[in-house]
Amino acid sequence: MAHIPYVPYDEATGLLAELYQKYGADSGGIDNILRIHSLNPASMRDHVVLYSHLMRGRSPLTRIQREMLAVTVSAANDCFY
């Protein structure tokens, strides 16, 4: 698997430090799927906005159906997310 560099928590400043706190405070850390955006904090924020819209926004699909689709695609791609 490729290695993507990221900014460690203790080196984060400005917007990145705010986002690390906002998205990782409750769980004790931030998932790697978001951490890869640390070199471009605005993209981390936008990733969360897009995900929230897709999973919680208005849709003809229920939340459960969307989650089932996400799990199916992840399994088909052999992805643990």
PDB file of N, CA and C in Angstrom:
ATOM      1  N   MET A   1       0.845  -1.179   0.000  1.00  0.00           N
ATOM      2  CA  MET A   1       0.000   0.000   0.000  1.00  0.00           C
ATOM      3  C   MET A   1       0.888   1.240   0.000  1.00  0.00           C
ATOM      4  N   ALA A   2       0.502   2.241  -0.714  1.00  0.00           N
ATOM      5  CA  ALA A   2       1.262   3.485  -0.812  1.00  0.00           C
ATOM      6  C   ALA A   2       1.246   4.235   0.515  1.00  0.00           C
ATOM      7  N   HIS A   3       2.310   4.931   0.775  1.00  0.00           N
ATOM      8  CA  HIS A   3       2.384   5.773   1.972  1.00  0.00           C
ATOM      9  C   HIS A   3       2.125   7.223   1.562  1.00  0.00           C
ATOM     10  N   ILE A   4       1.182   7.831   2.233  1.00  0.00           N
ATOM     11  CA  ILE A   4       0.866   9.238   1.981  1.00  0.00           C
ATOM     12  C   ILE A   4       1.289  10.020   3.220  1.00  0.00           C
ATOM     13  N   PRO A   5       2.178  10.984   3.071  1.00  0.00           N
ATOM     14  CA  PRO A   5       2.623  11.747   4.242  1.00  0.00           C
ATOM     15  C   PRO A   5       1.475  12.568   4.833  1.00  0.00           C
ATOM     16  N   TYR A   6       1.559  12.795   6.135  1.00  0.00           N
ATOM     17  CA  TYR A   6       0.552  13.612   6.804  1.00  0.00           C
ATOM     18  C   TYR A   6       1.210  14.408   7.927  1.00  0.00           C
ATOM     19  N   VAL A   7       0.507  15.416   8.388  1.00  0.00           N
ATOM     20  CA  VAL A   7       0.984  16.253   9.486  1.00  0.00           C
ATOM     21  C   VAL A   7       0.538  15.608  10.800  1.00  0.00           C
ATOM     22  N   PRO A   8       1.480  15.269  11.697  1.00  0.00           N
ATOM     23  CA  PRO A   8       1.107  14.701  12.995  1.00  0.00           C
ATOM     24  C   PRO A   8       0.284  15.691  13.825  1.00  0.00           C
ATOM     25  N   TYR A   9      -0.516  15.155  14.750  1.00  0.00           N
ATOM     26  CA  TYR A   9      -1.379  15.993  15.587  1.00  0.00           C
ATOM     27  C   TYR A   9      -0.600  17.102  16.283  1.00  0.00           C
ATOM     28  N   ASP A  10       0.540  16.738  16.866  1.00  0.00           N
ATOM     29  CA  ASP A  10       1.286  17.715  17.656  1.00  0.00           C
ATOM     30  C   ASP A  10       2.000  18.775  16.817  1.00  0.00           C
ATOM     31  N   GLU A  11       1.983  18.627  15.502  1.00  0.00           N
ATOM     32  CA  GLU A  11       2.579  19.635  14.618  1.00  0.00           C
ATOM     33  C   GLU A  11       1.521  20.452  13.872  1.00  0.00           C
ATOM     34  N   ALA A  12       0.262  20.128  14.084  1.00  0.00           N
ATOM     35  CA  ALA A  12      -0.822  20.823  13.379  1.00  0.00           C
ATOM     36  C   ALA A  12      -1.008  22.231  13.933  1.00  0.00           C
ATOM     37  N   THR A  13      -1.262  23.171  13.024  1.00  0.00           N
ATOM     38  CA  THR A  13      -1.527  24.553  13.411  1.00  0.00           C
ATOM     39  C   THR A  13      -2.715  25.070  12.607  1.00  0.00           C
ATOM     40  N   GLY A  14      -3.252  26.195  13.039  1.00  0.00           N
ATOM     41  CA  GLY A  14      -4.309  26.872  12.288  1.00  0.00           C
ATOM     42  C   GLY A  14      -5.519  25.997  12.010  1.00  0.00           C
ATOM     43  N   LEU A  15      -5.988  26.054  10.764  1.00  0.00           N
ATOM     44  CA  LEU A  15      -7.184  25.318  10.363  1.00  0.00           C
ATOM     45  C   LEU A  15      -7.024  23.825  10.598  1.00  0.00           C
ATOM     46  N   LEU A  16      -5.859  23.271  10.311  1.00  0.00           N
ATOM     47  CA  LEU A  16      -5.654  21.835  10.503  1.00  0.00           C
ATOM     48  C   LEU A  16      -5.818  21.449  11.967  1.00  0.00           C
ATOM     49  N   ALA A  17      -5.254  22.218  12.875  1.00  0.00           N
ATOM     50  CA  ALA A  17      -5.404  21.933  14.305  1.00  0.00           C
ATOM     51  C   ALA A  17      -6.874  21.983  14.705  1.00  0.00           C
ATOM     52  N   GLU A  18      -7.608  22.947  14.184  1.00  0.00           N
ATOM     53  CA  GLU A  18      -9.047  23.051  14.471  1.00  0.00           C
ATOM     54  C   GLU A  18      -9.794  21.823  13.957  1.00  0.00           C
ATOM     55  N   LEU A  19      -9.467  21.389  12.747  1.00  0.00           N
ATOM     56  CA  LEU A  19     -10.153  20.235  12.159  1.00  0.00           C
ATOM     57  C   LEU A  19      -9.801  18.947  12.887  1.00  0.00           C
ATOM     58  N   TYR A  20      -8.541  18.776  13.254  1.00  0.00           N
ATOM     59  CA  TYR A  20      -8.148  17.603  14.044  1.00  0.00           C
ATOM     60  C   TYR A  20      -8.969  17.558  15.329  1.00  0.00           C
ATOM     61  N   GLN A  21      -9.104  18.703  15.989  1.00  0.00           N
ATOM     62  CA  GLN A  21      -9.882  18.758  17.228  1.00  0.00           C
ATOM     63  C   GLN A  21     -11.358  18.468  16.953  1.00  0.00           C
ATOM     64  N   LYS A  22     -11.904  19.079  15.935  1.00  0.00           N
ATOM     65  CA  LYS A  22     -13.330  18.934  15.622  1.00  0.00           C
ATOM     66  C   LYS A  22     -13.694  17.509  15.225  1.00  0.00           C
ATOM     67  N   TYR A  23     -12.898  16.896  14.360  1.00  0.00           N
ATOM     68  CA  TYR A  23     -13.256  15.590  13.817  1.00  0.00           C
ATOM     69  C   TYR A  23     -12.670  14.420  14.590  1.00  0.00           C
ATOM     70  N   GLY A  24     -11.720  14.681  15.481  1.00  0.00           N
ATOM     71  CA  GLY A  24     -11.113  13.576  16.203  1.00  0.00           C
ATOM     72  C   GLY A  24     -11.261  13.623  17.703  1.00  0.00           C
ATOM     73  N   ALA A  25     -11.849  14.672  18.231  1.00  0.00           N
ATOM     74  CA  ALA A  25     -11.923  14.845  19.681  1.00  0.00           C
ATOM     75  C   ALA A  25     -12.744  13.758  20.363  1.00  0.00           C
ATOM     76  N   ASP A  26     -13.875  13.389  19.791  1.00  0.00           N
ATOM     77  CA  ASP A  26     -14.759  12.414  20.429  1.00  0.00           C
ATOM     78  C   ASP A  26     -14.216  10.991  20.371  1.00  0.00           C
ATOM     79  N   SER A  27     -13.479  10.671  19.321  1.00  0.00           N
ATOM     80  CA  SER A  27     -13.031   9.294  19.119  1.00  0.00           C
ATOM     81  C   SER A  27     -11.584   9.054  19.540  1.00  0.00           C
ATOM     82  N   GLY A  28     -10.901  10.105  19.980  1.00  0.00           N
ATOM     83  CA  GLY A  28      -9.518   9.947  20.389  1.00  0.00           C
ATOM     84  C   GLY A  28      -8.527   9.974  19.241  1.00  0.00           C
ATOM     85  N   GLY A  29      -8.972  10.291  18.063  1.00  0.00           N
ATOM     86  CA  GLY A  29      -8.085  10.361  16.909  1.00  0.00           C
ATOM     87  C   GLY A  29      -8.887  10.566  15.648  1.00  0.00           C
ATOM     88  N   ILE A  30      -8.186  10.722  14.575  1.00  0.00           N
ATOM     89  CA  ILE A  30      -8.852  10.962  13.296  1.00  0.00           C
ATOM     90  C   ILE A  30      -8.523   9.799  12.364  1.00  0.00           C
ATOM     91  N   ASP A  31      -9.496   9.344  11.612  1.00  0.00           N
ATOM     92  CA  ASP A  31      -9.283   8.225  10.694  1.00  0.00           C
ATOM     93  C   ASP A  31      -8.285   8.596   9.608  1.00  0.00           C
ATOM     94  N   ASN A  32      -7.547   7.599   9.155  1.00  0.00           N
ATOM     95  CA  ASN A  32      -6.564   7.829   8.094  1.00  0.00           C
ATOM     96  C   ASN A  32      -7.197   8.388   6.832  1.00  0.00           C
ATOM     97  N   ILE A  33      -8.439   8.013   6.556  1.00  0.00           N
ATOM     98  CA  ILE A  33      -9.116   8.486   5.348  1.00  0.00           C
ATOM     99  C   ILE A  33      -9.230  10.012   5.360  1.00  0.00           C
ATOM    100  N   LEU A  34      -9.277  10.608   6.551  1.00  0.00           N
ATOM    101  CA  LEU A  34      -9.278  12.071   6.667  1.00  0.00           C
ATOM    102  C   LEU A  34      -7.866  12.615   6.859  1.00  0.00           C
ATOM    103  N   ARG A  35      -7.044  11.890   7.587  1.00  0.00           N
ATOM    104  CA  ARG A  35      -5.694  12.368   7.892  1.00  0.00           C
ATOM    105  C   ARG A  35      -4.870  12.627   6.630  1.00  0.00           C
ATOM    106  N   ILE A  36      -5.139  11.890   5.553  1.00  0.00           N
ATOM    107  CA  ILE A  36      -4.370  12.097   4.323  1.00  0.00           C
ATOM    108  C   ILE A  36      -4.572  13.499   3.750  1.00  0.00           C
ATOM    109  N   HIS A  37      -5.617  14.177   4.204  1.00  0.00           N
ATOM    110  CA  HIS A  37      -5.880  15.545   3.744  1.00  0.00           C
ATOM    111  C   HIS A  37      -5.106  16.589   4.551  1.00  0.00           C
ATOM    112  N   SER A  38      -4.288  16.157   5.495  1.00  0.00           N
ATOM    113  CA  SER A  38      -3.647  17.111   6.409  1.00  0.00           C
ATOM    114  C   SER A  38      -2.737  18.115   5.707  1.00  0.00           C
ATOM    115  N   LEU A  39      -2.223  17.764   4.543  1.00  0.00           N
ATOM    116  CA  LEU A  39      -1.382  18.712   3.808  1.00  0.00           C
ATOM    117  C   LEU A  39      -2.214  19.795   3.121  1.00  0.00           C
ATOM    118  N   ASN A  40      -3.529  19.571   3.062  1.00  0.00           N
ATOM    119  CA  ASN A  40      -4.454  20.543   2.465  1.00  0.00           C
ATOM    120  C   ASN A  40      -5.722  20.551   3.322  1.00  0.00           C
ATOM    121  N   PRO A  41      -5.695  21.241   4.475  1.00  0.00           N
ATOM    122  CA  PRO A  41      -6.806  21.187   5.417  1.00  0.00           C
ATOM    123  C   PRO A  41      -8.174  21.530   4.824  1.00  0.00           C
ATOM    124  N   ALA A  42      -8.227  22.435   3.865  1.00  0.00           N
ATOM    125  CA  ALA A  42      -9.521  22.774   3.257  1.00  0.00           C
ATOM    126  C   ALA A  42     -10.127  21.549   2.582  1.00  0.00           C
ATOM    127  N   SER A  43      -9.285  20.687   2.012  1.00  0.00           N
ATOM    128  CA  SER A  43      -9.820  19.479   1.373  1.00  0.00           C
ATOM    129  C   SER A  43     -10.358  18.506   2.420  1.00  0.00           C
ATOM    130  N   MET A  44      -9.779  18.508   3.635  1.00  0.00           N
ATOM    131  CA  MET A  44     -10.306  17.672   4.715  1.00  0.00           C
ATOM    132  C   MET A  44     -11.712  18.136   5.082  1.00  0.00           C
ATOM    133  N   ARG A  45     -11.844  19.440   5.257  1.00  0.00           N
ATOM    134  CA  ARG A  45     -13.156  20.012   5.593  1.00  0.00           C
ATOM    135  C   ARG A  45     -14.170  19.690   4.496  1.00  0.00           C
ATOM    136  N   ASP A  46     -13.775  19.871   3.241  1.00  0.00           N
ATOM    137  CA  ASP A  46     -14.681  19.621   2.121  1.00  0.00           C
ATOM    138  C   ASP A  46     -15.031  18.141   1.986  1.00  0.00           C
ATOM    139  N   HIS A  47     -14.093  17.255   2.306  1.00  0.00           N
ATOM    140  CA  HIS A  47     -14.354  15.814   2.286  1.00  0.00           C
ATOM    141  C   HIS A  47     -15.483  15.482   3.266  1.00  0.00           C
ATOM    142  N   VAL A  48     -15.407  16.041   4.463  1.00  0.00           N
ATOM    143  CA  VAL A  48     -16.436  15.782   5.475  1.00  0.00           C
ATOM    144  C   VAL A  48     -17.780  16.356   5.037  1.00  0.00           C
ATOM    145  N   VAL A  49     -17.776  17.532   4.440  1.00  0.00           N
ATOM    146  CA  VAL A  49     -19.018  18.139   3.945  1.00  0.00           C
ATOM    147  C   VAL A  49     -19.643  17.254   2.871  1.00  0.00           C
ATOM    148  N   LEU A  50     -18.833  16.780   1.923  1.00  0.00           N
ATOM    149  CA  LEU A  50     -19.342  15.909   0.861  1.00  0.00           C
ATOM    150  C   LEU A  50     -19.889  14.610   1.442  1.00  0.00           C
ATOM    151  N   TYR A  51     -19.128  13.972   2.326  1.00  0.00           N
ATOM    152  CA  TYR A  51     -19.576  12.725   2.948  1.00  0.00           C
ATOM    153  C   TYR A  51     -20.903  12.939   3.688  1.00  0.00           C
ATOM    154  N   SER A  52     -20.980  14.004   4.456  1.00  0.00           N
ATOM    155  CA  SER A  52     -22.215  14.282   5.207  1.00  0.00           C
ATOM    156  C   SER A  52     -23.398  14.483   4.274  1.00  0.00           C
ATOM    157  N   HIS A  53     -23.178  15.183   3.175  1.00  0.00           N
ATOM    158  CA  HIS A  53     -24.252  15.394   2.208  1.00  0.00           C
ATOM    159  C   HIS A  53     -24.689  14.066   1.586  1.00  0.00           C
ATOM    160  N   LEU A  54     -23.725  13.256   1.189  1.00  0.00           N
ATOM    161  CA  LEU A  54     -24.056  11.978   0.554  1.00  0.00           C
ATOM    162  C   LEU A  54     -24.765  11.023   1.504  1.00  0.00           C
ATOM    163  N   MET A  55     -24.346  11.003   2.751  1.00  0.00           N
ATOM    164  CA  MET A  55     -24.888  10.028   3.694  1.00  0.00           C
ATOM    165  C   MET A  55     -26.089  10.541   4.488  1.00  0.00           C
ATOM    166  N   ARG A  56     -26.204  11.848   4.646  1.00  0.00           N
ATOM    167  CA  ARG A  56     -27.281  12.385   5.488  1.00  0.00           C
ATOM    168  C   ARG A  56     -28.190  13.377   4.780  1.00  0.00           C
ATOM    169  N   GLY A  57     -27.809  13.793   3.571  1.00  0.00           N
ATOM    170  CA  GLY A  57     -28.607  14.773   2.835  1.00  0.00           C
ATOM    171  C   GLY A  57     -29.862  14.154   2.237  1.00  0.00           C
ATOM    172  N   ARG A  58     -30.662  14.989   1.622  1.00  0.00           N
ATOM    173  CA  ARG A  58     -31.898  14.518   0.985  1.00  0.00           C
ATOM    174  C   ARG A  58     -31.556  13.537  -0.124  1.00  0.00           C
ATOM    175  N   SER A  59     -32.310  12.448  -0.181  1.00  0.00           N
ATOM    176  CA  SER A  59     -32.042  11.401  -1.165  1.00  0.00           C
ATOM    177  C   SER A  59     -33.246  10.476  -1.242  1.00  0.00           C
ATOM    178  N   PRO A  60     -33.467   9.853  -2.403  1.00  0.00           N
ATOM    179  CA  PRO A  60     -34.517   8.837  -2.475  1.00  0.00           C
ATOM    180  C   PRO A  60     -34.113   7.565  -1.723  1.00  0.00           C
ATOM    181  N   LEU A  61     -32.832   7.437  -1.379  1.00  0.00           N
ATOM    182  CA  LEU A  61     -32.362   6.280  -0.620  1.00  0.00           C
ATOM    183  C   LEU A  61     -32.399   6.583   0.870  1.00  0.00           C
ATOM    184  N   THR A  62     -32.745   5.579   1.657  1.00  0.00           N
ATOM    185  CA  THR A  62     -32.711   5.749   3.109  1.00  0.00           C
ATOM    186  C   THR A  62     -31.259   5.733   3.585  1.00  0.00           C
ATOM    187  N   ARG A  63     -31.053   6.141   4.811  1.00  0.00           N
ATOM    188  CA  ARG A  63     -29.698   6.111   5.386  1.00  0.00           C
ATOM    189  C   ARG A  63     -29.174   4.678   5.408  1.00  0.00           C
ATOM    190  N   ILE A  64     -30.035   3.740   5.742  1.00  0.00           N
ATOM    191  CA  ILE A  64     -29.626   2.331   5.782  1.00  0.00           C
ATOM    192  C   ILE A  64     -29.218   1.849   4.392  1.00  0.00           C
ATOM    193  N   GLN A  65     -29.968   2.214   3.371  1.00  0.00           N
ATOM    194  CA  GLN A  65     -29.616   1.808   2.005  1.00  0.00           C
ATOM    195  C   GLN A  65     -28.263   2.395   1.592  1.00  0.00           C
ATOM    196  N   ARG A  66     -28.029   3.635   1.961  1.00  0.00           N
ATOM    197  CA  ARG A  66     -26.740   4.262   1.626  1.00  0.00           C
ATOM    198  C   ARG A  66     -25.589   3.573   2.339  1.00  0.00           C
ATOM    199  N   GLU A  67     -25.792   3.221   3.595  1.00  0.00           N
ATOM    200  CA  GLU A  67     -24.757   2.498   4.344  1.00  0.00           C
ATOM    201  C   GLU A  67     -24.505   1.124   3.718  1.00  0.00           C
ATOM    202  N   MET A  68     -25.585   0.448   3.303  1.00  0.00           N
ATOM    203  CA  MET A  68     -25.421  -0.865   2.659  1.00  0.00           C
ATOM    204  C   MET A  68     -24.630  -0.736   1.369  1.00  0.00           C
ATOM    205  N   LEU A  69     -24.900   0.299   0.589  1.00  0.00           N
ATOM    206  CA  LEU A  69     -24.136   0.531  -0.641  1.00  0.00           C
ATOM    207  C   LEU A  69     -22.662   0.785  -0.332  1.00  0.00           C
ATOM    208  N   ALA A  70     -22.405   1.580   0.677  1.00  0.00           N
ATOM    209  CA  ALA A  70     -21.019   1.886   1.048  1.00  0.00           C
ATOM    210  C   ALA A  70     -20.279   0.624   1.476  1.00  0.00           C
ATOM    211  N   VAL A  71     -20.921  -0.216   2.272  1.00  0.00           N
ATOM    212  CA  VAL A  71     -20.297  -1.469   2.718  1.00  0.00           C
ATOM    213  C   VAL A  71     -20.063  -2.400   1.538  1.00  0.00           C
ATOM    214  N   THR A  72     -21.029  -2.497   0.644  1.00  0.00           N
ATOM    215  CA  THR A  72     -20.900  -3.370  -0.530  1.00  0.00           C
ATOM    216  C   THR A  72     -19.740  -2.927  -1.421  1.00  0.00           C
ATOM    217  N   VAL A  73     -19.650  -1.637  -1.686  1.00  0.00           N
ATOM    218  CA  VAL A  73     -18.566  -1.124  -2.530  1.00  0.00           C
ATOM    219  C   VAL A  73     -17.216  -1.316  -1.838  1.00  0.00           C
ATOM    220  N   SER A  74     -17.159  -1.052  -0.536  1.00  0.00           N
ATOM    221  CA  SER A  74     -15.906  -1.258   0.194  1.00  0.00           C
ATOM    222  C   SER A  74     -15.477  -2.718   0.144  1.00  0.00           C
ATOM    223  N   ALA A  75     -16.421  -3.630   0.327  1.00  0.00           N
ATOM    224  CA  ALA A  75     -16.098  -5.063   0.269  1.00  0.00           C
ATOM    225  C   ALA A  75     -15.642  -5.461  -1.128  1.00  0.00           C
ATOM    226  N   ALA A  76     -16.319  -4.964  -2.144  1.00  0.00           N
ATOM    227  CA  ALA A  76     -15.939  -5.291  -3.528  1.00  0.00           C
ATOM    228  C   ALA A  76     -14.537  -4.779  -3.854  1.00  0.00           C
ATOM    229  N   ASN A  77     -14.152  -3.666  -3.233  1.00  0.00           N
ATOM    230  CA  ASN A  77     -12.829  -3.079  -3.456  1.00  0.00           C
ATOM    231  C   ASN A  77     -11.786  -3.575  -2.453  1.00  0.00           C
ATOM    232  N   ASP A  78     -12.182  -4.532  -1.600  1.00  0.00           N
ATOM    233  CA  ASP A  78     -11.293  -5.074  -0.574  1.00  0.00           C
ATOM    234  C   ASP A  78     -10.729  -3.959   0.312  1.00  0.00           C
ATOM    235  N   CYS A  79     -11.613  -3.032   0.651  1.00  0.00           N
ATOM    236  CA  CYS A  79     -11.243  -1.873   1.460  1.00  0.00           C
ATOM    237  C   CYS A  79     -11.819  -2.042   2.864  1.00  0.00           C
ATOM    238  N   PHE A  80     -11.009  -1.812   3.890  1.00  0.00           N
ATOM    239  CA  PHE A  80     -11.512  -1.988   5.252  1.00  0.00           C
ATOM    240  C   PHE A  80     -12.297  -0.799   5.762  1.00  0.00           C
ATOM    241  N   TYR A  81     -12.453   0.249   4.959  1.00  0.00           N
ATOM    242  CA  TYR A  81     -13.320   1.348   5.352  1.00  0.00           C
ATOM    243  C   TYR A  81     -14.716   1.011   4.921  1.00  0.00           C
TER     244      TYR A  81
END
